Amino acid sequence: MTTDSACEKAKAELEEFLHDELCREDAADIRAHMATCADCSGEHAVGRVLTDAVKRACNETAPEDLRSTVLARLRDLQASH
């Protein structure tokens, strides 16, 4: 049976759980809670998708022509100040 306090704990610590920043015992508690709570496991699934998307985006690099344009514009702005 899930309790409001178990849901509150799982939701409050979801970000740390997604990034493996919880101690083993707290992570196990949240995992056990999510096994029986559709609401919290749904939030975990959404959080996992978002975390994975951000990780992928951080690995992407801008096309070289865009980088050159931005750097040239920054140099122009610095020179005018």
C-alpha atoms as a PDB file:
ATOM      1  CA  MET A   1       0.000   0.000   0.000  1.00  0.00           C
ATOM      2  CA  THR A   2       1.340   3.423  -0.921  1.00  0.00           C
ATOM      3  CA  THR A   3       1.108   6.337   1.423  1.00  0.00           C
ATOM      4  CA  ASP A   4       1.102  10.052   0.814  1.00  0.00           C
ATOM      5  CA  SER A   5       4.384  10.387   2.725  1.00  0.00           C
ATOM      6  CA  ALA A   6       6.007   7.705   0.552  1.00  0.00           C
ATOM      7  CA  CYS A   7       4.835   9.570  -2.563  1.00  0.00           C
ATOM      8  CA  GLU A   8       6.078  12.856  -1.154  1.00  0.00           C
ATOM      9  CA  LYS A   9       9.500  11.342  -0.467  1.00  0.00           C
ATOM     10  CA  ALA A  10       9.721   9.715  -3.900  1.00  0.00           C
ATOM     11  CA  LYS A  11       8.719  12.919  -5.689  1.00  0.00           C
ATOM     12  CA  ALA A  12      11.000  15.103  -3.560  1.00  0.00           C
ATOM     13  CA  GLU A  13      13.995  12.858  -4.264  1.00  0.00           C
ATOM     14  CA  LEU A  14      13.197  11.985  -7.873  1.00  0.00           C
ATOM     15  CA  GLU A  15      15.869  14.247  -9.366  1.00  0.00           C
ATOM     16  CA  GLU A  16      18.584  12.775  -7.150  1.00  0.00           C
ATOM     17  CA  PHE A  17      17.279   9.275  -7.883  1.00  0.00           C
ATOM     18  CA  LEU A  18      17.479   9.903 -11.644  1.00  0.00           C
ATOM     19  CA  HIS A  19      21.104  10.987 -11.284  1.00  0.00           C
ATOM     20  CA  ASP A  20      22.084   8.130  -8.932  1.00  0.00           C
ATOM     21  CA  GLU A  21      22.846  10.611  -6.144  1.00  0.00           C
ATOM     22  CA  LEU A  22      20.967   8.866  -3.325  1.00  0.00           C
ATOM     23  CA  CYS A  23      22.405   6.473  -0.804  1.00  0.00           C
ATOM     24  CA  ARG A  24      21.649   2.830  -1.507  1.00  0.00           C
ATOM     25  CA  GLU A  25      18.947   2.615   1.178  1.00  0.00           C
ATOM     26  CA  ASP A  26      17.011   5.701  -0.030  1.00  0.00           C
ATOM     27  CA  ALA A  27      17.251   4.556  -3.660  1.00  0.00           C
ATOM     28  CA  ALA A  28      15.948   1.113  -2.667  1.00  0.00           C
ATOM     29  CA  ASP A  29      13.030   2.704  -0.791  1.00  0.00           C
ATOM     30  CA  ILE A  30      12.073   4.773  -3.829  1.00  0.00           C
ATOM     31  CA  ARG A  31      12.438   1.797  -6.184  1.00  0.00           C
ATOM     32  CA  ALA A  32      10.194  -0.291  -3.927  1.00  0.00           C
ATOM     33  CA  HIS A  33       7.633   2.508  -3.719  1.00  0.00           C
ATOM     34  CA  MET A  34       7.555   3.001  -7.489  1.00  0.00           C
ATOM     35  CA  ALA A  35       6.937  -0.713  -7.968  1.00  0.00           C
ATOM     36  CA  THR A  36       3.524  -0.244  -6.345  1.00  0.00           C
ATOM     37  CA  CYS A  37       2.682   3.370  -7.220  1.00  0.00           C
ATOM     38  CA  ALA A  38       1.654   4.098 -10.793  1.00  0.00           C
ATOM     39  CA  ASP A  39       1.727   7.867 -10.236  1.00  0.00           C
ATOM     40  CA  CYS A  40       5.321   7.953  -8.998  1.00  0.00           C
ATOM     41  CA  SER A  41       6.537   5.403 -11.548  1.00  0.00           C
ATOM     42  CA  GLY A  42       4.910   7.546 -14.259  1.00  0.00           C
ATOM     43  CA  GLU A  43       6.739  10.629 -12.993  1.00  0.00           C
ATOM     44  CA  HIS A  44       9.949   8.610 -12.971  1.00  0.00           C
ATOM     45  CA  ALA A  45       9.390   7.569 -16.590  1.00  0.00           C
ATOM     46  CA  VAL A  46       8.857  11.191 -17.645  1.00  0.00           C
ATOM     47  CA  GLY A  47      11.914  12.275 -15.671  1.00  0.00           C
ATOM     48  CA  ARG A  48      14.025   9.551 -17.289  1.00  0.00           C
ATOM     49  CA  VAL A  49      12.958  10.624 -20.800  1.00  0.00           C
ATOM     50  CA  LEU A  50      13.750  14.274 -20.044  1.00  0.00           C
ATOM     51  CA  THR A  51      17.088  13.440 -18.426  1.00  0.00           C
ATOM     52  CA  ASP A  52      18.105  11.296 -21.401  1.00  0.00           C
ATOM     53  CA  ALA A  53      17.056  14.043 -23.857  1.00  0.00           C
ATOM     54  CA  VAL A  54      19.132  16.638 -22.008  1.00  0.00           C
ATOM     55  CA  LYS A  55      22.148  14.307 -21.946  1.00  0.00           C
ATOM     56  CA  ARG A  56      21.864  13.761 -25.703  1.00  0.00           C
ATOM     57  CA  ALA A  57      21.487  17.497 -26.345  1.00  0.00           C
ATOM     58  CA  CYS A  58      24.593  18.244 -24.285  1.00  0.00           C
ATOM     59  CA  ASN A  59      26.619  15.915 -26.496  1.00  0.00           C
ATOM     60  CA  GLU A  60      25.600  17.676 -29.703  1.00  0.00           C
ATOM     61  CA  THR A  61      27.751  20.384 -31.238  1.00  0.00           C
ATOM     62  CA  ALA A  62      26.719  23.331 -33.366  1.00  0.00           C
ATOM     63  CA  PRO A  63      27.489  23.198 -37.105  1.00  0.00           C
ATOM     64  CA  GLU A  64      30.816  24.832 -37.925  1.00  0.00           C
ATOM     65  CA  ASP A  65      29.248  27.654 -39.972  1.00  0.00           C
ATOM     66  CA  LEU A  66      26.974  28.582 -37.054  1.00  0.00           C
ATOM     67  CA  ARG A  67      29.889  28.515 -34.629  1.00  0.00           C
ATOM     68  CA  SER A  68      31.918  30.763 -36.912  1.00  0.00           C
ATOM     69  CA  THR A  69      29.036  33.222 -37.285  1.00  0.00           C
ATOM     70  CA  VAL A  70      28.432  33.416 -33.541  1.00  0.00           C
ATOM     71  CA  LEU A  71      32.120  33.815 -32.721  1.00  0.00           C
ATOM     72  CA  ALA A  72      32.515  36.552 -35.335  1.00  0.00           C
ATOM     73  CA  ARG A  73      29.501  38.393 -33.927  1.00  0.00           C
ATOM     74  CA  LEU A  74      30.881  38.110 -30.388  1.00  0.00           C
ATOM     75  CA  ARG A  75      34.233  39.497 -31.533  1.00  0.00           C
ATOM     76  CA  ASP A  76      32.421  42.411 -33.232  1.00  0.00           C
ATOM     77  CA  LEU A  77      30.464  43.138 -30.047  1.00  0.00           C
ATOM     78  CA  GLN A  78      33.590  43.004 -27.888  1.00  0.00           C
ATOM     79  CA  ALA A  79      35.460  45.322 -30.248  1.00  0.00           C
ATOM     80  CA  SER A  80      32.653  47.901 -30.140  1.00  0.00           C
ATOM     81  CA  HIS A  81      32.652  48.115 -26.324  1.00  0.00           C
END
